[in-house]
Amino acid sequence: MTIREILERRPKSAEILYDHGMHCLGCPTAVQETLRAAAEAHGLDLDSLLKEIQEKTSDESQTYERGVKTSEEDKGGE
């Protein structure tokens, strides 16, 4: 999943990413980068970053696990 996709679906994640040193969230190259690649480039643990995004943006509708979009509907829920 790209940074752009995450920001579109979970806008509050921008502050989290920025706090972890990802200051070029609007740069054309950065928004096309995957969260995994960005985490590696910034020396961050992907699982911890995903957990923080999920916890702090839980009021936004979709969740992400290891960079893959999931939702209740995708899991068979309604």
Protein backbone atom coordinates (compact mmCIF):
# COMPACT_ATOMS: atom_id res chain seq x y z
CA MET A 1 0.00 0.00 0.00
CA THR A 2 1.36 3.41 -0.91
CA ILE A 3 1.65 6.42 1.37
CA ARG A 4 -0.93 8.17 -0.83
CA GLU A 5 -3.45 5.34 -0.37
CA ILE A 6 -2.97 5.37 3.38
CA LEU A 7 -3.35 9.15 3.58
CA GLU A 8 -6.50 9.05 1.44
CA ARG A 9 -8.12 6.38 3.60
CA ARG A 10 -6.75 7.47 6.97
CA PRO A 11 -5.95 11.18 6.85
CA LYS A 12 -5.03 11.26 10.54
CA SER A 13 -2.07 9.00 9.74
CA ALA A 14 -0.25 12.03 8.27
CA GLU A 15 0.54 13.35 11.74
CA ILE A 16 1.81 9.95 12.86
CA LEU A 17 4.05 9.55 9.82
CA TYR A 18 5.33 13.12 10.20
CA ASP A 19 6.14 12.50 13.87
CA HIS A 20 8.27 9.55 12.77
CA GLY A 21 10.37 11.69 10.45
CA MET A 22 8.42 11.33 7.22
CA HIS A 23 8.34 15.03 6.42
CA CYS A 24 7.85 14.82 2.64
CA LEU A 25 4.34 13.35 2.65
CA GLY A 26 3.24 15.62 -0.18
CA CYS A 27 6.26 15.00 -2.42
CA PRO A 28 5.35 13.19 -5.67
CA THR A 29 7.91 10.44 -5.08
CA ALA A 30 7.04 9.96 -1.41
CA VAL A 31 3.32 9.47 -1.94
CA GLN A 32 4.04 6.69 -4.45
CA GLU A 33 6.32 4.87 -1.99
CA THR A 34 4.97 1.94 -0.01
CA LEU A 35 4.65 2.18 3.75
CA ARG A 36 7.04 -0.76 4.02
CA ALA A 37 9.72 1.04 1.96
CA ALA A 38 9.21 4.29 3.88
CA ALA A 39 9.47 2.50 7.22
CA GLU A 40 12.68 0.78 6.13
CA ALA A 41 14.15 4.06 4.85
CA HIS A 42 13.44 5.71 8.20
CA GLY A 43 14.59 2.78 10.32
CA LEU A 44 11.10 2.08 11.65
CA ASP A 45 9.49 -1.23 12.52
CA LEU A 46 6.59 -1.73 10.09
CA ASP A 47 4.44 -3.71 12.53
CA SER A 48 4.80 -1.07 15.26
CA LEU A 49 4.00 1.70 12.81
CA LEU A 50 0.90 -0.09 11.53
CA LYS A 51 -0.26 -0.73 15.09
CA GLU A 52 0.14 2.94 15.96
CA ILE A 53 -1.76 4.03 12.85
CA GLN A 54 -4.57 1.59 13.64
CA GLU A 55 -4.80 2.66 17.28
CA LYS A 56 -4.71 6.40 16.64
CA THR A 57 -7.03 6.36 13.63
CA SER A 58 -9.50 3.74 14.85
CA ASP A 59 -12.40 6.09 14.18
CA GLU A 60 -11.61 5.96 10.46
CA SER A 61 -13.35 3.13 8.63
CA GLN A 62 -10.64 0.81 7.29
CA THR A 63 -7.73 -0.97 8.91
CA TYR A 64 -4.44 -2.09 7.46
CA GLU A 65 -2.41 -5.14 8.24
CA ARG A 66 1.12 -5.45 6.84
CA GLY A 67 0.27 -2.92 4.15
CA VAL A 68 -2.85 -4.70 2.90
CA LYS A 69 -6.25 -3.02 3.13
CA THR A 70 -8.85 -4.92 5.06
CA SER A 71 -12.30 -4.00 6.26
CA GLU A 72 -15.13 -5.72 8.03
CA GLU A 73 -16.78 -6.33 4.66
CA ASP A 74 -13.57 -7.91 3.29
CA LYS A 75 -13.48 -10.17 6.36
CA GLY A 76 -17.00 -11.42 5.66
CA GLY A 77 -18.76 -9.00 8.03
CA GLU A 78 -21.37 -6.46 7.07
